[in-house]
Protein backbone atom coordinates (compact mmCIF):
# COMPACT_ATOMS: atom_id res chain seq x y z
CA UNK A 1 0.00 0.00 0.00
CA UNK A 2 1.43 3.44 -0.90
CA UNK A 3 2.71 5.60 1.93
CA UNK A 4 0.96 8.86 2.79
CA UNK A 5 2.81 12.18 3.12
CA UNK A 6 3.38 11.86 6.88
CA UNK A 7 4.73 8.33 6.48
CA UNK A 8 7.08 9.51 3.73
CA UNK A 9 8.45 12.21 6.02
CA UNK A 10 9.22 9.77 8.83
CA UNK A 11 10.01 6.58 6.91
CA UNK A 12 13.47 5.07 7.01
CA UNK A 13 15.25 4.14 3.81
CA UNK A 14 14.57 0.45 4.53
CA UNK A 15 10.85 1.16 4.88
CA UNK A 16 10.79 3.12 1.63
CA UNK A 17 12.69 0.37 -0.15
CA UNK A 18 10.34 -2.31 1.21
CA UNK A 19 7.37 -0.36 -0.21
CA UNK A 20 8.90 -0.24 -3.71
CA UNK A 21 6.81 -1.88 -6.41
CA UNK A 22 8.63 -0.75 -9.56
CA UNK A 23 12.21 -0.46 -10.74
CA UNK A 24 13.95 2.50 -12.29
CA UNK A 25 17.21 2.77 -14.17
CA UNK A 26 19.15 5.89 -15.09
CA UNK A 27 22.13 5.57 -17.41
CA UNK A 28 24.11 8.67 -18.21
CA UNK A 29 26.96 8.52 -20.70
CA UNK A 30 29.35 11.07 -22.18
CA UNK A 31 30.87 11.28 -25.63
CA UNK A 32 34.29 11.97 -24.05
CA UNK A 33 35.88 11.85 -20.61
CA UNK A 34 38.81 13.82 -19.16
CA UNK A 35 38.13 17.02 -21.05
CA UNK A 36 39.43 20.46 -20.09
CA UNK A 37 39.71 21.04 -16.37
CA UNK A 38 38.57 17.46 -15.60
CA UNK A 39 41.77 15.95 -16.99
CA UNK A 40 43.75 15.97 -13.71
CA UNK A 41 40.84 14.60 -11.65
CA UNK A 42 40.24 11.85 -14.20
CA UNK A 43 43.93 10.87 -14.27
CA UNK A 44 43.97 10.74 -10.45
CA UNK A 45 40.86 8.53 -10.51
CA UNK A 46 42.48 6.14 -13.00
CA UNK A 47 45.57 5.87 -10.76
CA UNK A 48 43.79 5.47 -7.42
CA UNK A 49 40.31 4.19 -8.27
CA UNK A 50 38.92 6.80 -5.85
CA UNK A 51 36.67 9.50 -7.35
CA UNK A 52 37.00 13.14 -6.32
CA UNK A 53 33.58 13.88 -4.82
CA UNK A 54 34.58 17.27 -3.37
CA UNK A 55 33.84 20.04 -5.88
CA UNK A 56 36.09 22.42 -3.90
CA UNK A 57 39.11 20.21 -4.78
CA UNK A 58 38.49 20.36 -8.52
PDB file of N, CA and C in Angstrom:
ATOM      1  N   UNK A   1       0.843  -1.177   0.000  1.00  0.00           N
ATOM      2  CA  UNK A   1       0.000   0.000   0.000  1.00  0.00           C
ATOM      3  C   UNK A   1       0.889   1.241   0.000  1.00  0.00           C
ATOM      4  N   UNK A   2       0.608   2.222  -0.841  1.00  0.00           N
ATOM      5  CA  UNK A   2       1.431   3.438  -0.897  1.00  0.00           C
ATOM      6  C   UNK A   2       1.441   4.183   0.430  1.00  0.00           C
ATOM      7  N   UNK A   3       2.567   4.822   0.696  1.00  0.00           N
ATOM      8  CA  UNK A   3       2.707   5.596   1.925  1.00  0.00           C
ATOM      9  C   UNK A   3       2.072   6.970   1.749  1.00  0.00           C
ATOM     10  N   UNK A   4       1.493   7.501   2.855  1.00  0.00           N
ATOM     11  CA  UNK A   4       0.958   8.860   2.787  1.00  0.00           C
ATOM     12  C   UNK A   4       2.081   9.858   3.069  1.00  0.00           C
ATOM     13  N   UNK A   5       1.786  11.144   2.986  1.00  0.00           N
ATOM     14  CA  UNK A   5       2.810  12.180   3.120  1.00  0.00           C
ATOM     15  C   UNK A   5       3.510  12.104   4.468  1.00  0.00           C
ATOM     16  N   UNK A   6       2.769  11.932   5.550  1.00  0.00           N
ATOM     17  CA  UNK A   6       3.382  11.864   6.881  1.00  0.00           C
ATOM     18  C   UNK A   6       4.298  10.644   6.993  1.00  0.00           C
ATOM     19  N   UNK A   7       3.890   9.522   6.448  1.00  0.00           N
ATOM     20  CA  UNK A   7       4.727   8.329   6.478  1.00  0.00           C
ATOM     21  C   UNK A   7       5.999   8.537   5.666  1.00  0.00           C
ATOM     22  N   UNK A   8       5.890   9.233   4.544  1.00  0.00           N
ATOM     23  CA  UNK A   8       7.075   9.505   3.734  1.00  0.00           C
ATOM     24  C   UNK A   8       8.070  10.373   4.481  1.00  0.00           C
ATOM     25  N   UNK A   9       7.570  11.312   5.281  1.00  0.00           N
ATOM     26  CA  UNK A   9       8.446  12.214   6.021  1.00  0.00           C
ATOM     27  C   UNK A   9       9.195  11.489   7.131  1.00  0.00           C
ATOM     28  N   UNK A  10       8.612  10.448   7.687  1.00  0.00           N
ATOM     29  CA  UNK A  10       9.223   9.769   8.831  1.00  0.00           C
ATOM     30  C   UNK A  10       9.771   8.383   8.500  1.00  0.00           C
ATOM     31  N   UNK A  11       9.578   7.932   7.277  1.00  0.00           N
ATOM     32  CA  UNK A  11      10.005   6.580   6.909  1.00  0.00           C
ATOM     33  C   UNK A  11      11.521   6.486   6.808  1.00  0.00           C
ATOM     34  N   UNK A  12      12.045   5.341   7.198  1.00  0.00           N
ATOM     35  CA  UNK A  12      13.467   5.074   7.014  1.00  0.00           C
ATOM     36  C   UNK A  12      13.689   4.614   5.571  1.00  0.00           C
ATOM     37  N   UNK A  13      14.934   4.610   5.151  1.00  0.00           N
ATOM     38  CA  UNK A  13      15.252   4.143   3.806  1.00  0.00           C
ATOM     39  C   UNK A  13      14.782   2.705   3.615  1.00  0.00           C
ATOM     40  N   UNK A  14      14.987   1.861   4.621  1.00  0.00           N
ATOM     41  CA  UNK A  14      14.575   0.454   4.525  1.00  0.00           C
ATOM     42  C   UNK A  14      13.065   0.346   4.331  1.00  0.00           C
ATOM     43  N   UNK A  15      12.304   1.183   5.029  1.00  0.00           N
ATOM     44  CA  UNK A  15      10.846   1.159   4.877  1.00  0.00           C
ATOM     45  C   UNK A  15      10.439   1.611   3.479  1.00  0.00           C
ATOM     46  N   UNK A  16      11.095   2.651   2.989  1.00  0.00           N
ATOM     47  CA  UNK A  16      10.789   3.116   1.634  1.00  0.00           C
ATOM     48  C   UNK A  16      11.132   2.057   0.599  1.00  0.00           C
ATOM     49  N   UNK A  17      12.268   1.408   0.781  1.00  0.00           N
ATOM     50  CA  UNK A  17      12.685   0.369  -0.155  1.00  0.00           C
ATOM     51  C   UNK A  17      11.730  -0.822  -0.116  1.00  0.00           C
ATOM     52  N   UNK A  18      11.270  -1.180   1.075  1.00  0.00           N
ATOM     53  CA  UNK A  18      10.345  -2.309   1.208  1.00  0.00           C
ATOM     54  C   UNK A  18       9.015  -2.022   0.517  1.00  0.00           C
ATOM     55  N   UNK A  19       8.640  -0.741   0.408  1.00  0.00           N
ATOM     56  CA  UNK A  19       7.371  -0.360  -0.209  1.00  0.00           C
ATOM     57  C   UNK A  19       7.501  -0.156  -1.728  1.00  0.00           C
ATOM     58  N   UNK A  20       8.664  -0.440  -2.283  1.00  0.00           N
ATOM     59  CA  UNK A  20       8.901  -0.244  -3.707  1.00  0.00           C
ATOM     60  C   UNK A  20       8.220  -1.340  -4.522  1.00  0.00           C
ATOM     61  N   UNK A  21       7.528  -0.923  -5.564  1.00  0.00           N
ATOM     62  CA  UNK A  21       6.810  -1.876  -6.412  1.00  0.00           C
ATOM     63  C   UNK A  21       7.263  -1.825  -7.868  1.00  0.00           C
ATOM     64  N   UNK A  22       8.146  -0.900  -8.190  1.00  0.00           N
ATOM     65  CA  UNK A  22       8.634  -0.749  -9.555  1.00  0.00           C
ATOM     66  C   UNK A  22      10.145  -0.560  -9.512  1.00  0.00           C
ATOM     67  N   UNK A  23      10.779  -0.727 -10.644  1.00  0.00           N
ATOM     68  CA  UNK A  23      12.210  -0.464 -10.737  1.00  0.00           C
ATOM     69  C   UNK A  23      12.438   0.752 -11.625  1.00  0.00           C
ATOM     70  N   UNK A  24      13.575   1.365 -11.454  1.00  0.00           N
ATOM     71  CA  UNK A  24      13.950   2.504 -12.289  1.00  0.00           C
ATOM     72  C   UNK A  24      15.440   2.407 -12.584  1.00  0.00           C
ATOM     73  N   UNK A  25      15.805   2.793 -13.769  1.00  0.00           N
ATOM     74  CA  UNK A  25      17.208   2.773 -14.170  1.00  0.00           C
ATOM     75  C   UNK A  25      17.532   4.109 -14.823  1.00  0.00           C
ATOM     76  N   UNK A  26      18.675   4.650 -14.471  1.00  0.00           N
ATOM     77  CA  UNK A  26      19.153   5.893 -15.092  1.00  0.00           C
ATOM     78  C   UNK A  26      20.575   5.642 -15.561  1.00  0.00           C
ATOM     79  N   UNK A  27      20.800   5.756 -16.839  1.00  0.00           N
ATOM     80  CA  UNK A  27      22.128   5.570 -17.411  1.00  0.00           C
ATOM     81  C   UNK A  27      22.530   6.867 -18.090  1.00  0.00           C
ATOM     82  N   UNK A  28      23.622   7.430 -17.630  1.00  0.00           N
ATOM     83  CA  UNK A  28      24.113   8.673 -18.214  1.00  0.00           C
ATOM     84  C   UNK A  28      25.498   8.418 -18.791  1.00  0.00           C
ATOM     85  N   UNK A  29      25.680   8.760 -20.044  1.00  0.00           N
ATOM     86  CA  UNK A  29      26.964   8.524 -20.699  1.00  0.00           C
ATOM     87  C   UNK A  29      27.445   9.811 -21.350  1.00  0.00           C
ATOM     88  N   UNK A  30      28.744   9.919 -21.510  1.00  0.00           N
ATOM     89  CA  UNK A  30      29.352  11.066 -22.175  1.00  0.00           C
ATOM     90  C   UNK A  30      29.999  10.619 -23.478  1.00  0.00           C
ATOM     91  N   UNK A  31      30.143  11.563 -24.387  1.00  0.00           N
ATOM     92  CA  UNK A  31      30.867  11.282 -25.628  1.00  0.00           C
ATOM     93  C   UNK A  31      32.363  11.197 -25.372  1.00  0.00           C
ATOM     94  N   UNK A  32      32.855  11.955 -24.370  1.00  0.00           N
ATOM     95  CA  UNK A  32      34.286  11.967 -24.050  1.00  0.00           C
ATOM     96  C   UNK A  32      34.476  12.215 -22.560  1.00  0.00           C
ATOM     97  N   UNK A  33      35.534  11.649 -22.013  1.00  0.00           N
ATOM     98  CA  UNK A  33      35.880  11.848 -20.608  1.00  0.00           C
ATOM     99  C   UNK A  33      37.221  12.569 -20.541  1.00  0.00           C
ATOM    100  N   UNK A  34      37.524  13.144 -19.391  1.00  0.00           N
ATOM    101  CA  UNK A  34      38.809  13.820 -19.161  1.00  0.00           C
ATOM    102  C   UNK A  34      39.002  14.982 -20.122  1.00  0.00           C
ATOM    103  N   UNK A  35      38.010  15.839 -20.190  1.00  0.00           N
ATOM    104  CA  UNK A  35      38.127  17.019 -21.049  1.00  0.00           C
ATOM    105  C   UNK A  35      38.412  18.254 -20.201  1.00  0.00           C
ATOM    106  N   UNK A  36      39.172  19.181 -20.747  1.00  0.00           N
ATOM    107  CA  UNK A  36      39.431  20.457 -20.089  1.00  0.00           C
ATOM    108  C   UNK A  36      39.950  20.329 -18.674  1.00  0.00           C
ATOM    109  N   UNK A  37      39.264  21.015 -17.760  1.00  0.00           N
ATOM    110  CA  UNK A  37      39.714  21.044 -16.369  1.00  0.00           C
ATOM    111  C   UNK A  37      39.441  19.743 -15.613  1.00  0.00           C
ATOM    112  N   UNK A  38      38.807  18.761 -16.235  1.00  0.00           N
ATOM    113  CA  UNK A  38      38.566  17.464 -15.596  1.00  0.00           C
ATOM    114  C   UNK A  38      39.745  16.509 -15.767  1.00  0.00           C
ATOM    115  N   UNK A  39      40.685  16.868 -16.614  1.00  0.00           N
ATOM    116  CA  UNK A  39      41.765  15.955 -16.991  1.00  0.00           C
ATOM    117  C   UNK A  39      42.569  15.454 -15.789  1.00  0.00           C
ATOM    118  N   UNK A  40      42.956  16.368 -14.880  1.00  0.00           N
ATOM    119  CA  UNK A  40      43.752  15.971 -13.712  1.00  0.00           C
ATOM    120  C   UNK A  40      42.961  15.069 -12.768  1.00  0.00           C
ATOM    121  N   UNK A  41      41.685  15.427 -12.520  1.00  0.00           N
ATOM    122  CA  UNK A  41      40.841  14.599 -11.652  1.00  0.00           C
ATOM    123  C   UNK A  41      40.653  13.202 -12.244  1.00  0.00           C
ATOM    124  N   UNK A  42      40.439  13.138 -13.548  1.00  0.00           N
ATOM    125  CA  UNK A  42      40.235  11.845 -14.201  1.00  0.00           C
ATOM    126  C   UNK A  42      41.498  10.991 -14.136  1.00  0.00           C
ATOM    127  N   UNK A  43      42.655  11.600 -14.355  1.00  0.00           N
ATOM    128  CA  UNK A  43      43.926  10.871 -14.271  1.00  0.00           C
ATOM    129  C   UNK A  43      44.154  10.353 -12.850  1.00  0.00           C
ATOM    130  N   UNK A  44      43.829  11.173 -11.844  1.00  0.00           N
ATOM    131  CA  UNK A  44      43.972  10.738 -10.450  1.00  0.00           C
ATOM    132  C   UNK A  44      43.032   9.577 -10.154  1.00  0.00           C
ATOM    133  N   UNK A  45      41.810   9.627 -10.704  1.00  0.00           N
ATOM    134  CA  UNK A  45      40.864   8.531 -10.513  1.00  0.00           C
ATOM    135  C   UNK A  45      41.383   7.240 -11.149  1.00  0.00           C
ATOM    136  N   UNK A  46      41.939   7.336 -12.339  1.00  0.00           N
ATOM    137  CA  UNK A  46      42.476   6.143 -12.995  1.00  0.00           C
ATOM    138  C   UNK A  46      43.625   5.533 -12.199  1.00  0.00           C
ATOM    139  N   UNK A  47      44.454   6.380 -11.572  1.00  0.00           N
ATOM    140  CA  UNK A  47      45.573   5.870 -10.764  1.00  0.00           C
ATOM    141  C   UNK A  47      45.091   5.229  -9.467  1.00  0.00           C
ATOM    142  N   UNK A  48      44.158   5.899  -8.777  1.00  0.00           N
ATOM    143  CA  UNK A  48      43.786   5.472  -7.424  1.00  0.00           C
ATOM    144  C   UNK A  48      42.504   4.656  -7.357  1.00  0.00           C
ATOM    145  N   UNK A  49      41.614   4.841  -8.326  1.00  0.00           N
ATOM    146  CA  UNK A  49      40.309   4.189  -8.265  1.00  0.00           C
ATOM    147  C   UNK A  49      39.339   4.903  -7.342  1.00  0.00           C
ATOM    148  N   UNK A  50      39.755   6.044  -6.783  1.00  0.00           N
ATOM    149  CA  UNK A  50      38.915   6.799  -5.853  1.00  0.00           C
ATOM    150  C   UNK A  50      38.460   8.085  -6.544  1.00  0.00           C
ATOM    151  N   UNK A  51      37.136   8.286  -6.685  1.00  0.00           N
ATOM    152  CA  UNK A  51      36.674   9.500  -7.352  1.00  0.00           C
ATOM    153  C   UNK A  51      36.789  10.723  -6.446  1.00  0.00           C
ATOM    154  N   UNK A  52      37.004  11.874  -7.044  1.00  0.00           N
ATOM    155  CA  UNK A  52      37.004  13.141  -6.316  1.00  0.00           C
ATOM    156  C   UNK A  52      35.558  13.603  -6.204  1.00  0.00           C
ATOM    157  N   UNK A  53      34.976  13.499  -5.016  1.00  0.00           N
ATOM    158  CA  UNK A  53      33.584  13.882  -4.815  1.00  0.00           C
ATOM    159  C   UNK A  53      33.450  15.263  -4.195  1.00  0.00           C
ATOM    160  N   UNK A  54      34.571  15.944  -3.980  1.00  0.00           N
ATOM    161  CA  UNK A  54      34.576  17.271  -3.366  1.00  0.00           C
ATOM    162  C   UNK A  54      34.771  18.324  -4.452  1.00  0.00           C
ATOM    163  N   UNK A  55      33.700  19.060  -4.810  1.00  0.00           N
ATOM    164  CA  UNK A  55      33.842  20.042  -5.885  1.00  0.00           C
ATOM    165  C   UNK A  55      34.836  21.155  -5.555  1.00  0.00           C
ATOM    166  N   UNK A  56      35.121  21.386  -4.289  1.00  0.00           N
ATOM    167  CA  UNK A  56      36.088  22.415  -3.900  1.00  0.00           C
ATOM    168  C   UNK A  56      37.515  22.012  -4.268  1.00  0.00           C
ATOM    169  N   UNK A  57      37.764  20.699  -4.436  1.00  0.00           N
ATOM    170  CA  UNK A  57      39.105  20.209  -4.784  1.00  0.00           C
ATOM    171  C   UNK A  57      39.352  20.187  -6.279  1.00  0.00           C
ATOM    172  N   UNK A  58      38.343  20.432  -7.059  1.00  0.00           N
ATOM    173  CA  UNK A  58      38.493  20.361  -8.522  1.00  0.00           C
ATOM    174  C   UNK A  58      39.188  21.579  -9.060  1.00  0.00           C
TER     175      UNK A  58
END
